[in-house]
Protein backbone atom coordinates (compact mmCIF):
# COMPACT_ATOMS: atom_id res chain seq x y z
CA MET A 1 27.25 42.77 56.84
CA ARG A 2 26.37 43.08 53.10
CA ASN A 3 23.99 40.28 52.94
CA SER A 4 22.05 41.52 56.16
CA ARG A 5 21.67 44.98 54.61
CA PHE A 6 20.42 43.47 51.30
CA GLY A 7 17.95 41.52 53.20
CA TYR A 8 16.53 44.47 55.01
CA PHE A 9 16.27 46.03 51.71
CA LEU A 10 14.55 43.15 50.00
CA PHE A 11 12.19 43.05 53.10
CA LEU A 12 11.37 46.64 52.63
CA LEU A 13 10.72 46.48 48.82
CA VAL A 14 8.44 43.84 49.42
CA ILE A 15 6.46 45.54 52.21
CA LEU A 16 6.23 48.53 49.94
CA MET A 17 5.41 46.76 46.72
CA THR A 18 2.79 44.69 48.68
CA GLY A 19 1.21 48.04 49.95
CA PHE A 20 0.86 49.74 46.67
CA ALA A 21 -0.46 46.63 45.03
CA ALA A 22 -3.08 46.03 47.68
CA PRO A 23 -5.56 48.71 46.79
CA GLY A 24 -5.68 47.19 43.15
CA LEU A 25 -6.73 44.03 44.43
CA ALA A 26 -9.76 45.39 46.28
CA GLN A 27 -13.26 44.61 44.88
CA SER A 28 -14.93 47.71 43.60
CA SER A 29 -18.56 46.46 43.51
CA GLU A 30 -18.74 46.47 47.47
CA PRO A 31 -19.58 49.69 49.18
CA VAL A 32 -16.89 51.31 51.45
CA PRO A 33 -17.74 50.73 55.23
CA GLN A 34 -19.52 53.61 57.02
CA MET A 35 -16.66 53.36 59.55
CA ALA A 36 -14.03 54.45 57.10
CA ASP A 37 -16.17 57.40 55.70
CA SER A 38 -16.67 58.65 59.17
CA LEU A 39 -13.06 58.37 60.15
CA ARG A 40 -11.93 60.20 56.71
CA ALA A 41 -14.58 62.99 57.48
CA ASP A 42 -13.62 63.47 61.01
CA GLY A 43 -9.80 63.42 60.06
CA LYS A 44 -9.12 60.63 62.37
CA ILE A 45 -7.96 58.17 59.63
CA TRP A 46 -4.37 59.83 60.23
CA VAL A 47 -4.58 58.81 63.71
CA VAL A 48 -5.03 55.15 62.86
CA VAL A 49 -2.39 55.35 60.15
CA ALA A 50 -0.02 56.68 62.68
CA VAL A 51 -0.75 54.19 65.14
CA LEU A 52 -0.34 51.14 62.75
CA ALA A 53 3.07 53.16 61.40
CA THR A 54 4.46 53.19 64.79
CA ILE A 55 3.38 49.47 65.33
CA PHE A 56 5.19 48.40 62.23
CA ALA A 57 8.24 50.63 62.90
CA GLY A 58 8.22 49.26 66.19
CA LEU A 59 8.74 45.66 64.78
CA LEU A 60 11.07 46.46 62.50
CA ALA A 61 13.44 47.80 64.78
CA TRP A 62 12.85 44.96 67.31
CA LEU A 63 13.82 42.64 64.23
CA ILE A 64 16.81 44.56 63.33
CA ARG A 65 18.05 44.65 66.83
CA THR A 66 17.46 40.69 67.10
CA ASP A 67 19.02 40.14 64.00
CA ARG A 68 22.21 42.11 65.31
CA ARG A 69 22.27 40.17 68.46
CA ILE A 70 22.06 36.92 66.58
CA ALA A 71 24.86 37.96 64.29
CA ARG A 72 27.00 38.90 67.10
CA LEU A 73 26.66 35.47 69.01
CA GLU A 74 27.44 33.62 65.86
CA LYS A 75 30.55 35.74 65.39
CA GLU A 76 31.59 35.05 69.17
CA ARG A 77 30.81 31.58 68.71
CA ARG A 78 33.15 31.40 65.59
CA ASN A 79 35.88 33.05 67.28
CA SER A 80 35.81 30.69 70.21
């Protein structure tokens, strides 16, 4: 149980660190796409962010559920 929680924490830490490091890796010499400017101006960029956050949250929930099922099956197999 402890190793599983450590794995989730490590996964979350890597995801967060990657998200904060990604803007620093972008090249500043290229212009920002006009689509991004129009989405920001209209306030629709938050819709895009919300959809992406929902997708990632769903994937994370699915991974956690699958891990718990596998752990339960492994435990049942050990007890048999």
